Amino acid sequence: MALNLCLVILFAPNNLFAAEGETEGDNKPVSEIKLLGINLLEANLTSIRQHLNNLGGFLQAKSTIKQTNTDKFFPWSNNRDSYYFQFRYNHAGKVTSVKRLYRPYSILQSNRRSAIQTKDIALELTKRLGQPTSIIRKGWGGTQNYTSYTWQDDKMTIKVDREGSELLGNVFVEYTVTVHDPYEVIDDTGDV
């Protein structure tokens, strides 16, 4: 009996996050993922502010209202499982990265008493994107380990990790648009 169990473990499939009925053709490319209904490759500072204002349920941080390089939105009725959404822009107004910081409780509002894990968020993303490009075990200095997940293509990178790279840090998802240069500048003549 123990030998049969061992064989099952040895020949288990490598894709531990395979969703039921999932096939290779069902998954979107990473660059086509939308956050809050926003296509990050096409969005800019004004379109994001307008979209979240029309969507409702988000309060913009007063310190970022006059900023042109960053916006921080706090959800108060929509997406209450998150502390904030922080958008970063280059000087041309294009999105370079977005960070979503989760609260420690469950993303499904269930009565689960355990804190949210990176695997919970990764499973939700796997349903839309397929298997992660990279899975890394993290932990240092004798602390407990946890797993970090990354999806990547030639236009965007999505990373699920914890603050401070430690098990007790809050879980976050960071969307980085790699095709937008963070140092792109529009000069006064209107040329890029």
Protein backbone atom coordinates (compact mmCIF):
# COMPACT_ATOMS: atom_id res chain seq x y z
CA MET A 1 0.00 0.00 0.00
CA ALA A 2 2.79 2.43 0.84
CA LEU A 3 4.52 1.63 -2.45
CA ASN A 4 1.38 2.53 -4.44
CA LEU A 5 1.05 5.83 -2.59
CA CYS A 6 4.67 6.64 -3.32
CA LEU A 7 4.18 5.96 -7.03
CA VAL A 8 1.21 8.30 -7.14
CA ILE A 9 3.28 11.07 -5.63
CA LEU A 10 6.16 10.50 -8.03
CA PHE A 11 3.97 10.57 -11.11
CA ALA A 12 1.73 13.48 -10.11
CA PRO A 13 1.37 16.21 -12.77
CA ASN A 14 3.61 19.27 -12.51
CA ASN A 15 0.75 21.74 -12.81
CA LEU A 16 -0.48 21.80 -9.24
CA PHE A 17 -2.87 24.66 -10.02
CA ALA A 18 -4.75 23.03 -12.89
CA ALA A 19 -8.37 24.07 -12.67
CA GLU A 20 -11.09 21.57 -13.47
CA GLY A 21 -11.79 21.43 -17.20
CA GLU A 22 -8.89 23.75 -17.98
CA THR A 23 -7.18 23.36 -21.33
CA GLU A 24 -4.17 25.10 -22.81
CA GLY A 25 -6.28 27.24 -25.17
CA ASP A 26 -8.59 28.68 -22.45
CA ASN A 27 -6.05 31.02 -20.89
CA LYS A 28 -5.55 34.70 -21.71
CA PRO A 29 -2.12 36.19 -22.30
CA VAL A 30 -0.84 38.11 -19.28
CA SER A 31 -0.96 41.43 -21.16
CA GLU A 32 -4.73 41.07 -21.82
CA ILE A 33 -5.68 40.89 -18.14
CA LYS A 34 -7.87 43.71 -16.84
CA LEU A 35 -7.79 45.20 -13.35
CA LEU A 36 -11.07 46.74 -12.18
CA GLY A 37 -12.16 46.72 -15.84
CA ILE A 38 -9.11 48.72 -16.92
CA ASN A 39 -6.75 47.56 -19.69
CA LEU A 40 -3.42 48.64 -18.20
CA LEU A 41 -1.59 48.75 -21.55
CA GLU A 42 -3.99 51.36 -22.96
CA ALA A 43 -4.91 53.31 -19.81
CA ASN A 44 -3.46 56.60 -18.71
CA LEU A 45 -3.76 58.89 -15.68
CA THR A 46 -6.95 60.67 -16.75
CA SER A 47 -8.75 57.56 -17.99
CA ILE A 48 -8.03 55.67 -14.75
CA ARG A 49 -9.24 58.53 -12.55
CA GLN A 50 -12.36 58.92 -14.67
CA HIS A 51 -13.07 55.16 -14.72
CA LEU A 52 -12.74 54.74 -10.93
CA ASN A 53 -14.81 57.86 -10.33
CA ASN A 54 -17.57 56.48 -12.61
CA LEU A 55 -17.28 53.02 -11.04
CA GLY A 56 -17.73 54.42 -7.54
CA GLY A 57 -16.75 52.94 -4.21
CA PHE A 58 -13.18 54.29 -4.20
CA LEU A 59 -11.72 57.23 -2.34
CA GLN A 60 -8.59 58.83 -3.79
CA ALA A 61 -5.89 59.76 -1.29
CA LYS A 62 -5.78 63.55 -0.89
CA SER A 63 -2.00 63.51 -1.17
CA THR A 64 -2.20 62.09 -4.72
CA ILE A 65 -4.94 64.31 -6.21
CA LYS A 66 -2.45 66.84 -7.61
CA GLN A 67 0.25 64.23 -8.34
CA THR A 68 1.03 63.20 -11.91
CA ASN A 69 3.22 60.18 -11.12
CA THR A 70 1.12 58.24 -8.61
CA ASP A 71 -2.47 57.65 -7.53
CA LYS A 72 -3.69 55.77 -4.48
CA PHE A 73 -7.31 54.66 -4.20
CA PHE A 74 -8.87 53.23 -1.04
CA PRO A 75 -11.92 50.99 -1.57
CA TRP A 76 -14.81 51.76 0.75
CA SER A 77 -17.65 49.81 -0.88
CA ASN A 78 -16.14 47.87 -3.82
CA ASN A 79 -13.27 45.37 -3.38
CA ARG A 80 -13.25 45.73 0.40
CA ASP A 81 -10.83 42.82 0.66
CA SER A 82 -8.06 45.29 -0.28
CA TYR A 83 -6.40 48.11 1.66
CA TYR A 84 -5.59 50.12 -1.48
CA PHE A 85 -4.78 50.20 -5.21
CA GLN A 86 -1.67 52.23 -6.03
CA PHE A 87 -1.10 53.27 -9.65
CA ARG A 88 2.29 54.57 -10.83
CA TYR A 89 2.71 56.54 -14.06
CA ASN A 90 5.58 57.85 -16.15
CA HIS A 91 5.72 61.55 -17.11
CA ALA A 92 3.82 60.76 -20.33
CA GLY A 93 0.86 59.63 -18.17
CA LYS A 94 1.08 55.93 -19.07
CA VAL A 95 0.72 53.24 -16.38
CA THR A 96 4.03 51.64 -15.36
CA SER A 97 2.80 49.58 -12.38
CA VAL A 98 -0.19 48.91 -10.13
CA LYS A 99 -0.04 47.43 -6.63
CA ARG A 100 -3.08 45.91 -4.92
CA LEU A 101 -2.55 45.30 -1.19
CA TYR A 102 -4.92 42.76 0.36
CA ARG A 103 -6.30 42.75 3.88
CA PRO A 104 -5.40 39.67 5.98
CA TYR A 105 -8.83 38.05 5.78
CA SER A 106 -10.34 35.89 3.05
CA ILE A 107 -10.98 37.23 -0.44
CA LEU A 108 -14.29 35.34 -0.60
CA GLN A 109 -15.81 36.80 2.60
CA SER A 110 -16.12 33.28 4.00
CA ASN A 111 -16.05 32.40 7.66
CA ARG A 112 -12.58 30.95 7.38
CA ARG A 113 -10.52 31.83 10.43
CA SER A 114 -7.12 31.61 8.78
CA ALA A 115 -5.38 34.54 7.13
CA ILE A 116 -5.28 34.90 3.36
CA GLN A 117 -2.37 33.12 1.63
CA THR A 118 -0.51 33.86 -1.61
CA LYS A 119 -1.81 30.55 -2.93
CA ASP A 120 -5.43 31.77 -2.59
CA ILE A 121 -4.75 34.74 -4.87
CA ALA A 122 -2.62 32.62 -7.23
CA LEU A 123 -5.47 30.13 -7.67
CA GLU A 124 -7.81 32.94 -8.73
CA LEU A 125 -5.27 34.24 -11.26
CA THR A 126 -4.54 30.72 -12.54
CA LYS A 127 -8.18 30.36 -13.59
CA ARG A 128 -7.71 33.30 -15.97
CA LEU A 129 -4.02 33.12 -16.92
CA GLY A 130 -3.02 29.47 -16.65
CA GLN A 131 0.06 28.17 -14.89
CA PRO A 132 2.53 30.68 -13.37
CA THR A 133 5.77 31.38 -15.20
CA SER A 134 7.71 31.20 -11.93
CA ILE A 135 7.02 29.77 -8.45
CA ILE A 136 9.54 30.64 -5.73
CA ARG A 137 9.72 29.49 -2.09
CA LYS A 138 10.73 32.46 0.08
CA GLY A 139 11.81 32.76 3.69
CA TRP A 140 14.98 33.80 5.45
CA GLY A 141 16.58 33.94 8.88
CA GLY A 142 14.76 30.93 10.25
CA THR A 143 11.30 32.31 9.51
CA GLN A 144 8.60 30.14 7.99
CA ASN A 145 8.52 29.79 4.22
CA TYR A 146 5.81 30.89 1.83
CA THR A 147 5.42 30.79 -1.95
CA SER A 148 5.62 33.68 -4.42
CA TYR A 149 4.09 33.41 -7.92
CA THR A 150 4.87 35.27 -11.16
CA TRP A 151 3.16 35.38 -14.56
CA GLN A 152 5.07 37.10 -17.34
CA ASP A 153 4.95 37.79 -21.07
CA ASP A 154 6.71 40.30 -23.31
CA LYS A 155 4.42 43.21 -22.26
CA MET A 156 3.47 42.66 -18.60
CA THR A 157 4.50 40.92 -15.39
CA ILE A 158 2.11 39.96 -12.58
CA LYS A 159 3.60 39.04 -9.21
CA VAL A 160 1.83 37.68 -6.10
CA ASP A 161 4.02 38.11 -3.02
CA ARG A 162 4.09 39.37 0.59
CA GLU A 163 5.30 42.69 1.97
CA GLY A 164 8.83 42.46 3.32
CA SER A 165 9.25 39.00 1.74
CA GLU A 166 8.16 37.35 4.97
CA LEU A 167 5.22 35.16 5.96
CA LEU A 168 3.69 37.78 8.27
CA GLY A 169 3.58 40.50 5.59
CA ASN A 170 0.33 41.36 3.83
CA VAL A 171 -0.29 39.73 0.46
CA PHE A 172 -0.09 41.96 -2.61
CA VAL A 173 -0.42 41.64 -6.37
CA GLU A 174 1.81 43.87 -8.49
CA TYR A 175 1.09 44.44 -12.18
CA THR A 176 4.14 45.85 -14.01
CA VAL A 177 3.77 47.08 -17.58
CA THR A 178 7.20 46.38 -19.08
CA VAL A 179 6.56 48.03 -22.47
CA HIS A 180 6.07 51.48 -20.89
CA ASP A 181 9.37 53.13 -20.05
CA PRO A 182 9.15 54.55 -16.51
CA TYR A 183 11.42 57.44 -17.57
CA GLU A 184 9.54 58.42 -20.74
CA VAL A 185 9.04 62.18 -20.84
CA ILE A 186 6.90 64.45 -23.00
CA ASP A 187 8.79 67.68 -23.62
CA ASP A 188 7.12 71.09 -23.97
CA THR A 189 6.85 70.83 -27.77
CA GLY A 190 4.54 67.81 -27.43
CA ASP A 191 7.08 65.29 -28.75
CA VAL A 192 7.74 62.11 -26.87
